[in-house]
N, C-alpha and C. Protein backbone atom coordinates (compact mmCIF):
# COMPACT_ATOMS: atom_id res chain seq x y z
N UNK A 1 15.30 -192.49 -106.06
CA UNK A 1 14.56 -192.91 -107.31
C UNK A 1 13.37 -192.22 -107.18
N UNK A 2 12.66 -191.77 -108.37
CA UNK A 2 11.46 -191.16 -108.26
C UNK A 2 10.43 -192.20 -108.25
N UNK A 3 9.21 -191.62 -107.69
CA UNK A 3 8.11 -192.41 -107.55
C UNK A 3 7.61 -192.87 -108.88
N UNK A 4 7.67 -192.23 -109.87
CA UNK A 4 7.17 -192.48 -111.31
C UNK A 4 8.02 -193.54 -111.90
N UNK A 5 9.36 -193.52 -111.70
CA UNK A 5 10.15 -194.51 -112.15
C UNK A 5 9.83 -196.00 -111.68
N UNK A 6 9.78 -195.93 -110.36
CA UNK A 6 9.23 -197.21 -109.65
C UNK A 6 7.94 -197.68 -110.02
N UNK A 7 7.08 -196.73 -110.27
CA UNK A 7 5.65 -197.14 -110.76
C UNK A 7 5.56 -197.71 -111.97
N UNK A 8 6.34 -197.19 -112.88
CA UNK A 8 6.36 -197.68 -114.42
C UNK A 8 7.46 -198.53 -114.72
N UNK A 9 8.27 -199.17 -113.68
CA UNK A 9 9.18 -200.12 -114.07
C UNK A 9 10.59 -199.53 -114.24
N UNK A 10 10.86 -198.50 -113.89
CA UNK A 10 12.20 -197.88 -114.15
C UNK A 10 13.32 -198.29 -112.99
N UNK A 11 12.82 -199.03 -112.01
CA UNK A 11 13.75 -199.53 -111.04
C UNK A 11 14.78 -200.49 -111.45
N UNK A 12 14.27 -201.49 -112.33
CA UNK A 12 15.13 -202.36 -112.80
C UNK A 12 15.64 -203.59 -111.84
N UNK A 13 16.58 -203.17 -111.13
CA UNK A 13 17.18 -204.18 -110.25
C UNK A 13 16.38 -205.09 -109.26
N UNK A 14 15.21 -204.68 -108.96
CA UNK A 14 14.45 -205.43 -108.02
C UNK A 14 13.80 -206.63 -108.59
N UNK A 15 13.77 -206.83 -109.90
CA UNK A 15 13.14 -207.95 -110.52
C UNK A 15 14.21 -209.18 -110.43
N UNK A 16 13.52 -210.36 -110.09
CA UNK A 16 14.39 -211.52 -110.00
C UNK A 16 14.93 -211.86 -111.38
N UNK A 17 16.13 -212.28 -111.50
CA UNK A 17 16.81 -212.65 -112.69
C UNK A 17 16.21 -213.98 -113.29
N UNK A 18 15.87 -214.08 -114.53
CA UNK A 18 15.44 -215.30 -115.08
C UNK A 18 16.61 -216.16 -115.43
N UNK A 19 16.39 -217.44 -114.95
CA UNK A 19 17.40 -218.48 -115.29
C UNK A 19 18.70 -218.16 -114.73
N UNK A 20 18.83 -217.63 -113.47
CA UNK A 20 20.13 -217.24 -112.97
C UNK A 20 20.59 -218.53 -112.28
N UNK A 21 22.01 -218.66 -112.49
CA UNK A 21 22.66 -219.93 -111.80
C UNK A 21 22.57 -220.07 -110.31
N UNK A 22 22.25 -221.10 -109.90
CA UNK A 22 22.25 -221.35 -108.41
C UNK A 22 23.52 -220.96 -107.84
N UNK A 23 23.49 -220.08 -106.65
CA UNK A 23 24.70 -219.82 -105.92
C UNK A 23 25.03 -221.00 -105.03
N UNK A 24 24.22 -221.90 -104.68
CA UNK A 24 24.55 -223.09 -103.96
C UNK A 24 23.33 -224.14 -104.07
N UNK A 25 23.67 -225.43 -104.03
CA UNK A 25 22.74 -226.45 -104.17
C UNK A 25 23.04 -227.57 -103.03
N UNK A 26 22.04 -228.08 -102.41
CA UNK A 26 22.19 -229.17 -101.51
C UNK A 26 20.97 -230.21 -101.69
N UNK A 27 21.16 -231.32 -101.51
CA UNK A 27 20.16 -232.38 -101.37
C UNK A 27 19.56 -232.55 -100.06
N UNK A 28 18.38 -232.74 -100.02
CA UNK A 28 17.62 -232.97 -98.77
C UNK A 28 16.47 -233.92 -98.88
N UNK A 29 16.46 -235.15 -98.39
CA UNK A 29 15.36 -236.03 -98.48
C UNK A 29 15.00 -236.36 -99.81
N UNK A 30 15.85 -236.40 -100.77
CA UNK A 30 15.62 -236.70 -102.15
C UNK A 30 15.10 -235.46 -102.99
N UNK A 31 15.22 -234.37 -102.37
CA UNK A 31 14.86 -232.87 -103.12
C UNK A 31 16.19 -232.28 -103.36
N UNK A 32 16.20 -231.47 -104.43
CA UNK A 32 17.43 -230.55 -104.63
C UNK A 32 16.96 -229.04 -104.34
N UNK A 33 17.64 -228.59 -103.45
CA UNK A 33 17.33 -227.14 -103.01
C UNK A 33 18.43 -226.31 -103.68
N UNK A 34 18.11 -225.28 -104.45
CA UNK A 34 18.96 -224.28 -105.01
C UNK A 34 18.84 -222.95 -104.47
N UNK A 35 19.77 -222.32 -103.92
CA UNK A 35 19.56 -221.00 -103.51
C UNK A 35 19.95 -220.01 -104.74
N UNK A 36 18.95 -219.05 -104.90
CA UNK A 36 19.20 -218.25 -105.97
C UNK A 36 18.79 -216.73 -105.62
N UNK A 37 19.65 -216.36 -104.65
CA UNK A 37 19.29 -214.90 -104.14
C UNK A 37 19.48 -213.95 -105.25
N UNK A 38 18.89 -212.76 -105.18
CA UNK A 38 19.29 -211.75 -106.25
C UNK A 38 19.28 -210.26 -105.50
N UNK A 39 19.87 -209.46 -106.20
CA UNK A 39 19.91 -208.05 -105.53
C UNK A 39 18.73 -207.30 -105.90
N UNK A 40 18.12 -206.64 -104.70
CA UNK A 40 17.11 -205.74 -104.66
C UNK A 40 17.18 -204.70 -103.80
N UNK A 41 17.23 -203.53 -104.35
CA UNK A 41 17.38 -202.27 -103.38
C UNK A 41 18.67 -202.25 -102.60
N UNK A 42 19.72 -202.77 -103.27
CA UNK A 42 21.09 -202.61 -102.52
C UNK A 42 21.21 -203.86 -101.64
N UNK A 43 20.33 -204.86 -101.50
CA UNK A 43 20.50 -206.04 -100.60
C UNK A 43 20.17 -207.16 -101.40
N UNK A 44 20.37 -208.35 -100.73
CA UNK A 44 20.11 -209.61 -101.47
C UNK A 44 18.82 -210.34 -100.87
N UNK A 45 18.00 -210.52 -101.82
CA UNK A 45 16.62 -211.04 -101.51
C UNK A 45 16.72 -212.61 -101.39
N UNK A 46 16.07 -213.10 -100.38
CA UNK A 46 16.02 -214.54 -100.14
C UNK A 46 15.15 -215.27 -101.27
N UNK A 47 15.71 -216.15 -101.98
CA UNK A 47 14.99 -216.69 -103.05
C UNK A 47 15.66 -218.19 -103.40
N UNK A 48 14.82 -219.06 -103.82
CA UNK A 48 15.43 -220.43 -104.10
C UNK A 48 14.47 -221.28 -105.04
N UNK A 49 14.83 -222.55 -105.33
CA UNK A 49 14.04 -223.39 -106.15
C UNK A 49 14.10 -224.69 -105.35
N UNK A 50 13.12 -225.37 -105.13
CA UNK A 50 13.09 -226.79 -104.56
C UNK A 50 12.66 -227.60 -105.73
N UNK A 51 13.42 -228.66 -106.18
CA UNK A 51 13.01 -229.52 -107.22
C UNK A 51 13.16 -230.91 -106.93
N UNK A 52 12.45 -231.86 -107.61
CA UNK A 52 12.48 -233.27 -107.47
C UNK A 52 11.80 -233.90 -108.63
N UNK A 53 12.47 -235.08 -109.11
CA UNK A 53 11.83 -235.83 -110.19
C UNK A 53 10.87 -236.87 -109.57
N UNK A 54 9.56 -236.52 -110.27
CA UNK A 54 8.51 -237.56 -109.79
C UNK A 54 7.93 -238.14 -110.97
N UNK A 55 7.96 -239.50 -111.05
CA UNK A 55 7.40 -240.08 -112.22
C UNK A 55 8.05 -239.61 -113.55
N UNK A 56 9.29 -239.44 -113.53
CA UNK A 56 10.10 -239.12 -114.63
C UNK A 56 9.91 -237.67 -115.14
N UNK A 57 9.19 -236.87 -114.32
CA UNK A 57 9.01 -235.44 -114.62
C UNK A 57 9.64 -234.66 -113.54
N UNK A 58 10.50 -233.59 -113.85
CA UNK A 58 11.22 -232.71 -112.97
C UNK A 58 10.06 -231.63 -112.50
N UNK A 59 9.84 -231.83 -111.31
CA UNK A 59 8.88 -230.84 -110.72
C UNK A 59 9.80 -229.63 -109.97
N UNK A 60 9.17 -228.38 -110.05
CA UNK A 60 10.07 -227.22 -109.40
C UNK A 60 9.09 -226.46 -108.63
N UNK A 61 9.57 -225.99 -107.33
CA UNK A 61 8.67 -224.98 -106.58
C UNK A 61 9.64 -223.83 -106.32
N UNK A 62 9.39 -222.65 -106.77
CA UNK A 62 10.19 -221.39 -106.72
C UNK A 62 9.62 -220.79 -105.41
N UNK A 63 10.49 -220.09 -104.68
CA UNK A 63 10.13 -219.45 -103.56
C UNK A 63 10.91 -218.15 -103.37
N UNK A 64 10.12 -217.16 -102.86
CA UNK A 64 10.90 -215.81 -102.47
C UNK A 64 10.28 -215.45 -101.23
N UNK A 65 11.21 -215.00 -100.37
CA UNK A 65 10.75 -214.45 -98.98
C UNK A 65 11.12 -213.16 -98.94
N UNK A 66 10.53 -212.35 -97.89
CA UNK A 66 10.79 -211.11 -97.64
C UNK A 66 12.09 -210.75 -96.94
N UNK A 67 12.78 -211.58 -96.49
CA UNK A 67 14.20 -211.43 -95.97
C UNK A 67 15.16 -210.95 -96.94
N UNK A 68 15.81 -209.82 -96.50
CA UNK A 68 16.91 -209.40 -97.29
C UNK A 68 18.05 -209.15 -96.42
N UNK A 69 19.30 -209.36 -97.12
CA UNK A 69 20.59 -209.21 -96.28
C UNK A 69 21.69 -208.34 -96.98
N UNK A 70 22.53 -207.92 -96.28
CA UNK A 70 23.59 -207.04 -96.83
C UNK A 70 24.62 -207.90 -97.65
N UNK A 71 24.79 -209.08 -97.15
CA UNK A 71 25.76 -210.03 -97.70
C UNK A 71 25.18 -211.13 -98.43
N UNK A 72 25.88 -211.60 -99.57
CA UNK A 72 25.28 -212.46 -100.42
C UNK A 72 25.38 -213.94 -99.68
N UNK A 73 26.53 -214.15 -98.92
CA UNK A 73 26.65 -215.48 -97.96
C UNK A 73 25.40 -215.61 -97.14
N UNK A 74 25.02 -214.50 -96.59
CA UNK A 74 23.88 -214.69 -95.54
C UNK A 74 22.59 -215.08 -96.35
N UNK A 75 22.34 -214.38 -97.43
CA UNK A 75 21.27 -214.68 -98.37
C UNK A 75 21.18 -216.17 -98.70
N UNK A 76 22.39 -216.71 -99.26
CA UNK A 76 22.49 -217.98 -99.66
C UNK A 76 22.09 -218.90 -98.45
N UNK A 77 22.66 -218.81 -97.37
CA UNK A 77 22.43 -219.60 -96.26
C UNK A 77 20.92 -219.54 -95.86
N UNK A 78 20.22 -218.57 -95.73
CA UNK A 78 18.87 -218.45 -95.40
C UNK A 78 18.00 -219.10 -96.46
N UNK A 79 18.45 -218.85 -97.76
CA UNK A 79 17.65 -219.50 -98.85
C UNK A 79 17.59 -220.99 -98.68
N UNK A 80 18.88 -221.58 -98.42
CA UNK A 80 18.78 -223.08 -98.32
C UNK A 80 18.19 -223.56 -97.03
N UNK A 81 18.16 -222.80 -95.94
CA UNK A 81 17.41 -223.07 -94.72
C UNK A 81 15.93 -223.02 -95.11
N UNK A 82 15.39 -222.04 -95.84
CA UNK A 82 14.04 -221.91 -96.14
C UNK A 82 13.54 -223.11 -96.96
N UNK A 83 14.42 -223.39 -97.86
CA UNK A 83 14.05 -224.55 -98.82
C UNK A 83 13.98 -225.92 -97.94
N UNK A 84 14.91 -226.20 -96.98
CA UNK A 84 14.92 -227.31 -96.28
C UNK A 84 13.68 -227.27 -95.31
N UNK A 85 13.25 -226.04 -94.86
CA UNK A 85 11.98 -225.94 -94.12
C UNK A 85 10.58 -226.30 -94.88
N UNK A 86 10.83 -225.93 -96.34
CA UNK A 86 9.62 -226.23 -97.06
C UNK A 86 9.55 -227.80 -97.32
N UNK A 87 10.77 -228.50 -97.61
CA UNK A 87 10.73 -229.87 -97.73
C UNK A 87 10.11 -230.57 -96.51
N UNK A 88 10.63 -230.21 -95.26
CA UNK A 88 10.25 -230.83 -94.05
C UNK A 88 8.80 -230.63 -93.68
N UNK A 89 8.26 -229.47 -94.16
CA UNK A 89 6.81 -229.16 -93.76
C UNK A 89 5.79 -229.72 -94.90
N UNK A 90 6.20 -229.72 -96.16
CA UNK A 90 5.29 -230.00 -97.06
C UNK A 90 5.60 -231.18 -97.98
N UNK A 91 6.88 -231.50 -98.16
CA UNK A 91 7.30 -232.61 -99.00
C UNK A 91 6.74 -232.48 -100.33
N UNK A 92 6.33 -233.60 -100.95
CA UNK A 92 5.76 -233.72 -102.30
C UNK A 92 4.56 -232.71 -102.65
N UNK A 93 3.85 -232.44 -101.45
CA UNK A 93 2.61 -231.67 -101.46
C UNK A 93 2.94 -230.34 -102.29
N UNK A 94 4.14 -229.94 -102.08
CA UNK A 94 4.34 -228.45 -102.59
C UNK A 94 4.24 -228.42 -104.14
N UNK A 95 4.16 -229.54 -104.77
CA UNK A 95 4.12 -229.57 -106.18
C UNK A 95 2.57 -229.82 -106.77
N UNK A 96 1.72 -230.10 -105.65
CA UNK A 96 0.34 -230.28 -106.03
C UNK A 96 -0.47 -229.21 -106.09
């Protein structure tokens, strides 16, 4: 792909899809962790959402990591593990 296409947005597939359905969801300590990896430059980008209802309001924290994998299953597993790590380290503070 040419440099100018990448510079001016001609690459296309590297952008995270909006509203993509989660590939897998797990509950951990009252949080819902959704793996939402997407294809970027021929590999799957680690990506997910951690959500929790607090005082009747659904809060979400989206995360994207630099990790990329050739296989979708690996990207899903790591996305879930990263979400669990966020919950264990930050808990409700991630929404503040």
